[in-house]
Full PDB file with SEQRES, HELIX, SHEET, SSBOND, CRYST1, ORIGX, SCALE, CONECT and MASTER records, all heavy atoms in Angstrom:
SEQRES   1 A   32  GLN ARG ASP PRO GLN ASN TYR ASN TYR VAL TYR VAL SER          
SEQRES   2 A   32  LYS ALA GLN PRO GLU HIS LEU GLU LEU TYR GLU ASN GLY          
SEQRES   3 A   32  ARG VAL THR PHE HIS THR                                      
SHEET    1 AA1 3 ASN A   8  SER A  13  0                                        
SHEET    2 AA1 3 HIS A  19  GLU A  24 -1                                        
SHEET    3 AA1 3 ARG A  27  HIS A  31 -1                                        
CRYST1    1.000    1.000    1.000  90.00  90.00  90.00 P 1           1          
ORIGX1      1.000000  0.000000  0.000000        0.00000                         
ORIGX2      0.000000  1.000000  0.000000        0.00000                         
ORIGX3      0.000000  0.000000  1.000000        0.00000                         
SCALE1      1.000000  0.000000  0.000000        0.00000                         
SCALE2      0.000000  1.000000  0.000000        0.00000                         
SCALE3      0.000000  0.000000  1.000000        0.00000                         
ATOM      1  N   GLN A   1      29.928 -34.624 -51.717  1.00  0.00           N  
ATOM      2  CA  GLN A   1      31.384 -34.563 -51.620  1.00  0.00           C  
ATOM      3  C   GLN A   1      31.849 -35.367 -50.411  1.00  0.00           C  
ATOM      4  O   GLN A   1      31.221 -35.344 -49.360  1.00  0.00           O  
ATOM      5  CB  GLN A   1      31.859 -33.118 -51.465  1.00  0.00           C  
ATOM      6  CG  GLN A   1      31.646 -32.280 -52.688  1.00  0.00           C  
ATOM      7  CD  GLN A   1      32.075 -30.829 -52.453  1.00  0.00           C  
ATOM      8  OE1 GLN A   1      32.458 -30.433 -51.360  1.00  0.00           O  
ATOM      9  NE2 GLN A   1      32.001 -30.036 -53.501  1.00  0.00           N  
ATOM     10  N   ARG A   2      32.934 -36.042 -50.574  1.00  0.00           N  
ATOM     11  CA  ARG A   2      33.559 -36.799 -49.486  1.00  0.00           C  
ATOM     12  C   ARG A   2      34.988 -36.293 -49.325  1.00  0.00           C  
ATOM     13  O   ARG A   2      35.626 -35.891 -50.289  1.00  0.00           O  
ATOM     14  CB  ARG A   2      33.606 -38.294 -49.798  1.00  0.00           C  
ATOM     15  CG  ARG A   2      32.260 -38.907 -50.044  1.00  0.00           C  
ATOM     16  CD  ARG A   2      31.598 -39.226 -48.742  1.00  0.00           C  
ATOM     17  NE  ARG A   2      30.358 -39.939 -48.982  1.00  0.00           N  
ATOM     18  CZ  ARG A   2      29.238 -39.654 -48.375  1.00  0.00           C  
ATOM     19  NH1 ARG A   2      29.187 -38.690 -47.502  1.00  0.00           N  
ATOM     20  NH2 ARG A   2      28.149 -40.328 -48.630  1.00  0.00           N  
ATOM     21  N   ASP A   3      35.475 -36.348 -48.105  1.00  0.00           N  
ATOM     22  CA  ASP A   3      36.857 -35.952 -47.849  1.00  0.00           C  
ATOM     23  C   ASP A   3      37.765 -37.043 -48.414  1.00  0.00           C  
ATOM     24  O   ASP A   3      37.690 -38.189 -47.984  1.00  0.00           O  
ATOM     25  CB  ASP A   3      37.085 -35.781 -46.346  1.00  0.00           C  
ATOM     26  CG  ASP A   3      38.450 -35.231 -46.019  1.00  0.00           C  
ATOM     27  OD1 ASP A   3      39.324 -35.165 -46.915  1.00  0.00           O  
ATOM     28  OD2 ASP A   3      38.662 -34.869 -44.851  1.00  0.00           O  
ATOM     29  N   PRO A   4      38.620 -36.707 -49.375  1.00  0.00           N  
ATOM     30  CA  PRO A   4      39.487 -37.734 -49.969  1.00  0.00           C  
ATOM     31  C   PRO A   4      40.676 -38.111 -49.076  1.00  0.00           C  
ATOM     32  O   PRO A   4      41.370 -39.079 -49.345  1.00  0.00           O  
ATOM     33  CB  PRO A   4      39.978 -37.070 -51.264  1.00  0.00           C  
ATOM     34  CG  PRO A   4      39.968 -35.604 -50.935  1.00  0.00           C  
ATOM     35  CD  PRO A   4      38.803 -35.403 -49.999  1.00  0.00           C  
ATOM     36  N   GLN A   5      40.895 -37.351 -48.010  1.00  0.00           N  
ATOM     37  CA  GLN A   5      42.038 -37.596 -47.128  1.00  0.00           C  
ATOM     38  C   GLN A   5      41.749 -38.724 -46.136  1.00  0.00           C  
ATOM     39  O   GLN A   5      40.598 -38.979 -45.790  1.00  0.00           O  
ATOM     40  CB  GLN A   5      42.382 -36.326 -46.341  1.00  0.00           C  
ATOM     41  CG  GLN A   5      42.701 -35.120 -47.193  1.00  0.00           C  
ATOM     42  CD  GLN A   5      43.915 -35.343 -48.067  1.00  0.00           C  
ATOM     43  OE1 GLN A   5      44.926 -35.871 -47.635  1.00  0.00           O  
ATOM     44  NE2 GLN A   5      43.811 -34.953 -49.329  1.00  0.00           N  
ATOM     45  N   ASN A   6      42.800 -39.363 -45.661  1.00  0.00           N  
ATOM     46  CA  ASN A   6      42.676 -40.328 -44.576  1.00  0.00           C  
ATOM     47  C   ASN A   6      42.261 -39.602 -43.305  1.00  0.00           C  
ATOM     48  O   ASN A   6      42.503 -38.400 -43.167  1.00  0.00           O  
ATOM     49  CB  ASN A   6      44.018 -41.012 -44.297  1.00  0.00           C  
ATOM     50  CG  ASN A   6      44.406 -41.998 -45.372  1.00  0.00           C  
ATOM     51  OD1 ASN A   6      43.567 -42.512 -46.095  1.00  0.00           O  
ATOM     52  ND2 ASN A   6      45.691 -42.268 -45.469  1.00  0.00           N  
ATOM     53  N   TYR A   7      41.664 -40.349 -42.367  1.00  0.00           N  
ATOM     54  CA  TYR A   7      41.428 -39.779 -41.044  1.00  0.00           C  
ATOM     55  C   TYR A   7      42.673 -40.070 -40.210  1.00  0.00           C  
ATOM     56  O   TYR A   7      42.954 -41.218 -39.870  1.00  0.00           O  
ATOM     57  CB  TYR A   7      40.185 -40.365 -40.358  1.00  0.00           C  
ATOM     58  CG  TYR A   7      40.019 -39.740 -38.995  1.00  0.00           C  
ATOM     59  CD1 TYR A   7      39.500 -38.455 -38.877  1.00  0.00           C  
ATOM     60  CD2 TYR A   7      40.452 -40.391 -37.846  1.00  0.00           C  
ATOM     61  CE1 TYR A   7      39.404 -37.841 -37.646  1.00  0.00           C  
ATOM     62  CE2 TYR A   7      40.347 -39.780 -36.601  1.00  0.00           C  
ATOM     63  CZ  TYR A   7      39.823 -38.512 -36.521  1.00  0.00           C  
ATOM     64  OH  TYR A   7      39.736 -37.898 -35.293  1.00  0.00           O  
ATOM     65  N   ASN A   8      43.427 -39.021 -39.915  1.00  0.00           N  
ATOM     66  CA  ASN A   8      44.671 -39.166 -39.168  1.00  0.00           C  
ATOM     67  C   ASN A   8      44.495 -38.668 -37.742  1.00  0.00           C  
ATOM     68  O   ASN A   8      43.758 -37.712 -37.492  1.00  0.00           O  
ATOM     69  CB  ASN A   8      45.797 -38.388 -39.842  1.00  0.00           C  
ATOM     70  CG  ASN A   8      46.106 -38.914 -41.224  1.00  0.00           C  
ATOM     71  OD1 ASN A   8      45.793 -40.052 -41.549  1.00  0.00           O  
ATOM     72  ND2 ASN A   8      46.714 -38.093 -42.041  1.00  0.00           N  
ATOM     73  N   TYR A   9      45.203 -39.309 -36.829  1.00  0.00           N  
ATOM     74  CA  TYR A   9      45.149 -38.978 -35.407  1.00  0.00           C  
ATOM     75  C   TYR A   9      46.517 -39.305 -34.822  1.00  0.00           C  
ATOM     76  O   TYR A   9      47.117 -40.329 -35.156  1.00  0.00           O  
ATOM     77  CB  TYR A   9      44.052 -39.805 -34.730  1.00  0.00           C  
ATOM     78  CG  TYR A   9      44.071 -39.775 -33.226  1.00  0.00           C  
ATOM     79  CD1 TYR A   9      43.758 -38.615 -32.528  1.00  0.00           C  
ATOM     80  CD2 TYR A   9      44.384 -40.917 -32.493  1.00  0.00           C  
ATOM     81  CE1 TYR A   9      43.764 -38.594 -31.139  1.00  0.00           C  
ATOM     82  CE2 TYR A   9      44.383 -40.906 -31.111  1.00  0.00           C  
ATOM     83  CZ  TYR A   9      44.076 -39.745 -30.442  1.00  0.00           C  
ATOM     84  OH  TYR A   9      44.081 -39.720 -29.071  1.00  0.00           O  
ATOM     85  N   VAL A  10      47.024 -38.417 -33.952  1.00  0.00           N  
ATOM     86  CA  VAL A  10      48.339 -38.610 -33.341  1.00  0.00           C  
ATOM     87  C   VAL A  10      48.164 -38.786 -31.837  1.00  0.00           C  
ATOM     88  O   VAL A  10      47.524 -37.966 -31.180  1.00  0.00           O  
ATOM     89  CB  VAL A  10      49.268 -37.405 -33.635  1.00  0.00           C  
ATOM     90  CG1 VAL A  10      50.601 -37.560 -32.912  1.00  0.00           C  
ATOM     91  CG2 VAL A  10      49.483 -37.250 -35.136  1.00  0.00           C  
ATOM     92  N   TYR A  11      48.735 -39.857 -31.316  1.00  0.00           N  
ATOM     93  CA  TYR A  11      48.694 -40.145 -29.884  1.00  0.00           C  
ATOM     94  C   TYR A  11      50.123 -40.108 -29.350  1.00  0.00           C  
ATOM     95  O   TYR A  11      51.005 -40.797 -29.867  1.00  0.00           O  
ATOM     96  CB  TYR A  11      48.073 -41.518 -29.626  1.00  0.00           C  
ATOM     97  CG  TYR A  11      48.084 -41.901 -28.171  1.00  0.00           C  
ATOM     98  CD1 TYR A  11      47.125 -41.401 -27.299  1.00  0.00           C  
ATOM     99  CD2 TYR A  11      49.071 -42.730 -27.661  1.00  0.00           C  
ATOM    100  CE1 TYR A  11      47.144 -41.722 -25.949  1.00  0.00           C  
ATOM    101  CE2 TYR A  11      49.104 -43.057 -26.315  1.00  0.00           C  
ATOM    102  CZ  TYR A  11      48.131 -42.557 -25.472  1.00  0.00           C  
ATOM    103  OH  TYR A  11      48.155 -42.873 -24.136  1.00  0.00           O  
ATOM    104  N   VAL A  12      50.359 -39.281 -28.321  1.00  0.00           N  
ATOM    105  CA  VAL A  12      51.680 -39.160 -27.703  1.00  0.00           C  
ATOM    106  C   VAL A  12      51.577 -39.640 -26.266  1.00  0.00           C  
ATOM    107  O   VAL A  12      50.775 -39.128 -25.483  1.00  0.00           O  
ATOM    108  CB  VAL A  12      52.189 -37.702 -27.732  1.00  0.00           C  
ATOM    109  CG1 VAL A  12      53.529 -37.574 -27.014  1.00  0.00           C  
ATOM    110  CG2 VAL A  12      52.293 -37.205 -29.175  1.00  0.00           C  
ATOM    111  N   SER A  13      52.398 -40.625 -25.916  1.00  0.00           N  
ATOM    112  CA  SER A  13      52.427 -41.153 -24.552  1.00  0.00           C  
ATOM    113  C   SER A  13      53.634 -40.577 -23.820  1.00  0.00           C  
ATOM    114  O   SER A  13      54.771 -40.686 -24.297  1.00  0.00           O  
ATOM    115  CB  SER A  13      52.531 -42.678 -24.568  1.00  0.00           C  
ATOM    116  OG  SER A  13      52.739 -43.168 -23.253  1.00  0.00           O  
ATOM    117  N   LYS A  14      53.360 -39.983 -22.642  1.00  0.00           N  
ATOM    118  CA  LYS A  14      54.447 -39.458 -21.813  1.00  0.00           C  
ATOM    119  C   LYS A  14      55.002 -40.524 -20.870  1.00  0.00           C  
ATOM    120  O   LYS A  14      55.940 -40.260 -20.138  1.00  0.00           O  
ATOM    121  CB  LYS A  14      53.968 -38.229 -21.032  1.00  0.00           C  
ATOM    122  CG  LYS A  14      53.657 -37.079 -21.976  1.00  0.00           C  
ATOM    123  CD  LYS A  14      53.352 -35.727 -21.386  1.00  0.00           C  
ATOM    124  CE  LYS A  14      53.076 -35.516 -19.985  1.00  0.00           C  
ATOM    125  NZ  LYS A  14      52.863 -34.102 -19.615  1.00  0.00           N  
ATOM    126  N   ALA A  15      54.446 -41.740 -20.932  1.00  0.00           N  
ATOM    127  CA  ALA A  15      55.020 -42.854 -20.167  1.00  0.00           C  
ATOM    128  C   ALA A  15      56.358 -43.210 -20.821  1.00  0.00           C  
ATOM    129  O   ALA A  15      56.450 -43.304 -22.043  1.00  0.00           O  
ATOM    130  CB  ALA A  15      54.081 -44.054 -20.179  1.00  0.00           C  
ATOM    131  N   GLN A  16      57.373 -43.394 -20.010  1.00  0.00           N  
ATOM    132  CA  GLN A  16      58.696 -43.644 -20.577  1.00  0.00           C  
ATOM    133  C   GLN A  16      58.863 -45.103 -20.964  1.00  0.00           C  
ATOM    134  O   GLN A  16      58.421 -45.976 -20.243  1.00  0.00           O  
ATOM    135  CB  GLN A  16      59.766 -43.196 -19.586  1.00  0.00           C  
ATOM    136  CG  GLN A  16      59.739 -41.692 -19.426  1.00  0.00           C  
ATOM    137  CD  GLN A  16      60.847 -41.169 -18.541  1.00  0.00           C  
ATOM    138  OE1 GLN A  16      61.908 -41.770 -18.433  1.00  0.00           O  
ATOM    139  NE2 GLN A  16      60.599 -40.041 -17.906  1.00  0.00           N  
ATOM    140  N   PRO A  17      59.456 -45.370 -22.109  1.00  0.00           N  
ATOM    141  CA  PRO A  17      59.994 -44.387 -23.037  1.00  0.00           C  
ATOM    142  C   PRO A  17      58.857 -43.665 -23.773  1.00  0.00           C  
ATOM    143  O   PRO A  17      57.930 -44.303 -24.266  1.00  0.00           O  
ATOM    144  CB  PRO A  17      60.843 -45.203 -23.999  1.00  0.00           C  
ATOM    145  CG  PRO A  17      60.225 -46.574 -23.984  1.00  0.00           C  
ATOM    146  CD  PRO A  17      59.658 -46.758 -22.604  1.00  0.00           C  
ATOM    147  N   GLU A  18      58.946 -42.334 -23.823  1.00  0.00           N  
ATOM    148  CA  GLU A  18      57.922 -41.540 -24.480  1.00  0.00           C  
ATOM    149  C   GLU A  18      57.888 -41.886 -25.969  1.00  0.00           C  
ATOM    150  O   GLU A  18      58.932 -42.061 -26.592  1.00  0.00           O  
ATOM    151  CB  GLU A  18      58.211 -40.046 -24.297  1.00  0.00           C  
ATOM    152  CG  GLU A  18      58.111 -39.610 -22.847  1.00  0.00           C  
ATOM    153  CD  GLU A  18      58.364 -38.135 -22.655  1.00  0.00           C  
ATOM    154  OE1 GLU A  18      59.167 -37.554 -23.413  1.00  0.00           O  
ATOM    155  OE2 GLU A  18      57.739 -37.560 -21.749  1.00  0.00           O  
ATOM    156  N   HIS A  19      56.681 -42.003 -26.488  1.00  0.00           N  
ATOM    157  CA  HIS A  19      56.559 -42.370 -27.897  1.00  0.00           C  
ATOM    158  C   HIS A  19      55.311 -41.750 -28.517  1.00  0.00           C  
ATOM    159  O   HIS A  19      54.431 -41.264 -27.817  1.00  0.00           O  
ATOM    160  CB  HIS A  19      56.531 -43.897 -28.065  1.00  0.00           C  
ATOM    161  CG  HIS A  19      55.342 -44.540 -27.423  1.00  0.00           C  
ATOM    162  ND1 HIS A  19      55.290 -44.838 -26.083  1.00  0.00           N  
ATOM    163  CD2 HIS A  19      54.148 -44.918 -27.936  1.00  0.00           C  
ATOM    164  CE1 HIS A  19      54.118 -45.378 -25.802  1.00  0.00           C  
ATOM    165  NE2 HIS A  19      53.397 -45.436 -26.901  1.00  0.00           N  
ATOM    166  N   LEU A  20      55.274 -41.796 -29.825  1.00  0.00           N  
ATOM    167  CA  LEU A  20      54.185 -41.254 -30.628  1.00  0.00           C  
ATOM    168  C   LEU A  20      53.685 -42.353 -31.543  1.00  0.00           C  
ATOM    169  O   LEU A  20      54.472 -43.135 -32.075  1.00  0.00           O  
ATOM    170  CB  LEU A  20      54.708 -40.075 -31.431  1.00  0.00           C  
ATOM    171  CG  LEU A  20      53.824 -39.396 -32.472  1.00  0.00           C  
ATOM    172  CD1 LEU A  20      54.237 -37.936 -32.608  1.00  0.00           C  
ATOM    173  CD2 LEU A  20      53.875 -40.082 -33.818  1.00  0.00           C  
ATOM    174  N   GLU A  21      52.352 -42.395 -31.722  1.00  0.00           N  
ATOM    175  CA  GLU A  21      51.736 -43.305 -32.683  1.00  0.00           C  
ATOM    176  C   GLU A  21      50.873 -42.481 -33.630  1.00  0.00           C  
ATOM    177  O   GLU A  21      50.102 -41.638 -33.187  1.00  0.00           O  
ATOM    178  CB  GLU A  21      50.851 -44.337 -31.983  1.00  0.00           C  
ATOM    179  CG  GLU A  21      51.616 -45.274 -31.097  1.00  0.00           C  
ATOM    180  CD  GLU A  21      50.708 -46.153 -30.243  1.00  0.00           C  
ATOM    181  OE1 GLU A  21      49.523 -45.797 -30.035  1.00  0.00           O  
ATOM    182  OE2 GLU A  21      51.199 -47.183 -29.780  1.00  0.00           O  
ATOM    183  N   LEU A  22      51.001 -42.743 -34.923  1.00  0.00           N  
ATOM    184  CA  LEU A  22      50.137 -42.142 -35.929  1.00  0.00           C  
ATOM    185  C   LEU A  22      49.104 -43.175 -36.341  1.00  0.00           C  
ATOM    186  O   LEU A  22      49.458 -44.290 -36.742  1.00  0.00           O  
ATOM    187  CB  LEU A  22      50.940 -41.711 -37.162  1.00  0.00           C  
ATOM    188  CG  LEU A  22      50.117 -41.330 -38.404  1.00  0.00           C  
ATOM    189  CD1 LEU A  22      49.282 -40.073 -38.146  1.00  0.00           C  
ATOM    190  CD2 LEU A  22      51.018 -41.156 -39.611  1.00  0.00           C  
ATOM    191  N   TYR A  23      47.838 -42.792 -36.214  1.00  0.00           N  
ATOM    192  CA  TYR A  23      46.732 -43.626 -36.680  1.00  0.00           C  
ATOM    193  C   TYR A  23      46.257 -43.074 -38.015  1.00  0.00           C  
ATOM    194  O   TYR A  23      45.991 -41.878 -38.132  1.00  0.00           O  
ATOM    195  CB  TYR A  23      45.561 -43.581 -35.701  1.00  0.00           C  
ATOM    196  CG  TYR A  23      45.791 -44.342 -34.427  1.00  0.00           C  
ATOM    197  CD1 TYR A  23      46.569 -43.802 -33.411  1.00  0.00           C  
ATOM    198  CD2 TYR A  23      45.213 -45.590 -34.226  1.00  0.00           C  
ATOM    199  CE1 TYR A  23      46.772 -44.494 -32.228  1.00  0.00           C  
ATOM    200  CE2 TYR A  23      45.401 -46.290 -33.043  1.00  0.00           C  
ATOM    201  CZ  TYR A  23      46.194 -45.730 -32.053  1.00  0.00           C  
ATOM    202  OH  TYR A  23      46.401 -46.411 -30.886  1.00  0.00           O  
ATOM    203  N   GLU A  24      46.141 -43.943 -39.001  1.00  0.00           N  
ATOM    204  CA  GLU A  24      45.540 -43.588 -40.286  1.00  0.00           C  
ATOM    205  C   GLU A  24      44.355 -44.515 -40.489  1.00  0.00           C  
ATOM    206  O   GLU A  24      44.523 -45.737 -40.513  1.00  0.00           O  
ATOM    207  CB  GLU A  24      46.526 -43.766 -41.430  1.00  0.00           C  
ATOM    208  CG  GLU A  24      47.659 -42.768 -41.435  1.00  0.00           C  
ATOM    209  CD  GLU A  24      48.543 -42.961 -42.643  1.00  0.00           C  
ATOM    210  OE1 GLU A  24      48.203 -42.402 -43.712  1.00  0.00           O  
ATOM    211  OE2 GLU A  24      49.541 -43.677 -42.537  1.00  0.00           O  
ATOM    212  N   ASN A  25      43.159 -43.914 -40.601  1.00  0.00           N  
ATOM    213  CA  ASN A  25      41.936 -44.692 -40.765  1.00  0.00           C  
ATOM    214  C   ASN A  25      41.838 -45.809 -39.728  1.00  0.00           C  
ATOM    215  O   ASN A  25      41.460 -46.941 -40.026  1.00  0.00           O  
ATOM    216  CB  ASN A  25      41.821 -45.250 -42.183  1.00  0.00           C  
ATOM    217  CG  ASN A  25      41.661 -44.155 -43.210  1.00  0.00           C  
ATOM    218  OD1 ASN A  25      41.208 -43.058 -42.893  1.00  0.00           O  
ATOM    219  ND2 ASN A  25      42.037 -44.429 -44.437  1.00  0.00           N  
ATOM    220  N   GLY A  26      42.190 -45.466 -38.484  1.00  0.00           N  
ATOM    221  CA  GLY A  26      41.998 -46.385 -37.371  1.00  0.00           C  
ATOM    222  C   GLY A  26      43.103 -47.390 -37.130  1.00  0.00           C  
ATOM    223  O   GLY A  26      43.012 -48.195 -36.203  1.00  0.00           O  
ATOM    224  N   ARG A  27      44.163 -47.362 -37.922  1.00  0.00           N  
ATOM    225  CA  ARG A  27      45.275 -48.301 -37.727  1.00  0.00           C  
ATOM    226  C   ARG A  27      46.563 -47.539 -37.454  1.00  0.00           C  
ATOM    227  O   ARG A  27      46.816 -46.500 -38.062  1.00  0.00           O  
ATOM    228  CB  ARG A  27      45.489 -49.158 -38.984  1.00  0.00           C  
ATOM    229  CG  ARG A  27      44.364 -50.110 -39.304  1.00  0.00           C  
ATOM    230  CD  ARG A  27      44.644 -50.985 -40.532  1.00  0.00           C  
ATOM    231  NE  ARG A  27      45.108 -50.220 -41.683  1.00  0.00           N  
ATOM    232  CZ  ARG A  27      46.345 -50.304 -42.212  1.00  0.00           C  
ATOM    233  NH1 ARG A  27      47.244 -51.103 -41.722  1.00  0.00           N  
ATOM    234  NH2 ARG A  27      46.670 -49.577 -43.255  1.00  0.00           N  
ATOM    235  N   VAL A  28      47.395 -48.084 -36.557  1.00  0.00           N  
ATOM    236  CA  VAL A  28      48.704 -47.481 -36.309  1.00  0.00           C  
ATOM    237  C   VAL A  28      49.589 -47.775 -37.515  1.00  0.00           C  
ATOM    238  O   VAL A  28      49.807 -48.934 -37.867  1.00  0.00           O  
ATOM    239  CB  VAL A  28      49.353 -48.027 -35.018  1.00  0.00           C  
ATOM    240  CG1 VAL A  28      50.759 -47.466 -34.849  1.00  0.00           C  
ATOM    241  CG2 VAL A  28      48.496 -47.695 -33.806  1.00  0.00           C  
ATOM    242  N   THR A  29      50.073 -46.694 -38.160  1.00  0.00           N  
ATOM    243  CA  THR A  29      50.920 -46.858 -39.341  1.00  0.00           C  
ATOM    244  C   THR A  29      52.337 -46.329 -39.136  1.00  0.00           C  
ATOM    245  O   THR A  29      53.188 -46.504 -39.999  1.00  0.00           O  
ATOM    246  CB  THR A  29      50.303 -46.133 -40.557  1.00  0.00           C  
ATOM    247  OG1 THR A  29      50.186 -44.741 -40.246  1.00  0.00           O  
ATOM    248  CG2 THR A  29      48.941 -46.716 -40.905  1.00  0.00           C  
ATOM    249  N   PHE A  30      52.560 -45.667 -37.999  1.00  0.00           N  
ATOM    250  CA  PHE A  30      53.875 -45.084 -37.734  1.00  0.00           C  
ATOM    251  C   PHE A  30      54.050 -44.976 -36.231  1.00  0.00           C  
ATOM    252  O   PHE A  30      53.101 -44.676 -35.510  1.00  0.00           O  
ATOM    253  CB  PHE A  30      53.968 -43.693 -38.389  1.00  0.00           C  
ATOM    254  CG  PHE A  30      55.246 -42.971 -38.131  1.00  0.00           C  
ATOM    255  CD1 PHE A  30      56.421 -43.342 -38.751  1.00  0.00           C  
ATOM    256  CD2 PHE A  30      55.279 -41.896 -37.249  1.00  0.00           C  
ATOM    257  CE1 PHE A  30      57.608 -42.658 -38.501  1.00  0.00           C  
ATOM    258  CE2 PHE A  30      56.453 -41.205 -37.006  1.00  0.00           C  
ATOM    259  CZ  PHE A  30      57.619 -41.593 -37.636  1.00  0.00           C  
ATOM    260  N   HIS A  31      55.277 -45.224 -35.776  1.00  0.00           N  
ATOM    261  CA  HIS A  31      55.586 -45.191 -34.347  1.00  0.00           C  
ATOM    262  C   HIS A  31      57.017 -44.675 -34.199  1.00  0.00           C  
ATOM    263  O   HIS A  31      57.893 -45.072 -34.964  1.00  0.00           O  
ATOM    264  CB  HIS A  31      55.476 -46.626 -33.800  1.00  0.00           C  
ATOM    265  CG  HIS A  31      55.722 -46.734 -32.341  1.00  0.00           C  
ATOM    266  ND1 HIS A  31      56.975 -46.855 -31.799  1.00  0.00           N  
ATOM    267  CD2 HIS A  31      54.863 -46.749 -31.297  1.00  0.00           C  
ATOM    268  CE1 HIS A  31      56.873 -46.942 -30.482  1.00  0.00           C  
ATOM    269  NE2 HIS A  31      55.601 -46.877 -30.162  1.00  0.00           N  
ATOM    270  N   THR A  32      57.254 -43.788 -33.243  1.00  0.00           N  
ATOM    271  CA  THR A  32      58.610 -43.298 -33.003  1.00  0.00           C  
ATOM    272  C   THR A  32      58.765 -42.854 -31.554  1.00  0.00           C  
ATOM    273  O   THR A  32      57.791 -42.464 -30.909  1.00  0.00           O  
ATOM    274  CB  THR A  32      58.969 -42.125 -33.944  1.00  0.00           C  
ATOM    275  OG1 THR A  32      60.357 -41.787 -33.767  1.00  0.00           O  
ATOM    276  CG2 THR A  32      58.123 -40.894 -33.677  1.00  0.00           C  
TER     277      THR A  32                                                      
MASTER        0    0    0    0    3    0    0    6  276    1    0    3          
END                                                                             
């Protein structure tokens, strides 16, 4: 069995401007 889901990871930087990056399978796919 293999996990069918992506490997997701969330990185939040408190350096201003504070922001969040979503990594999916090692690539940033979302930023806010």
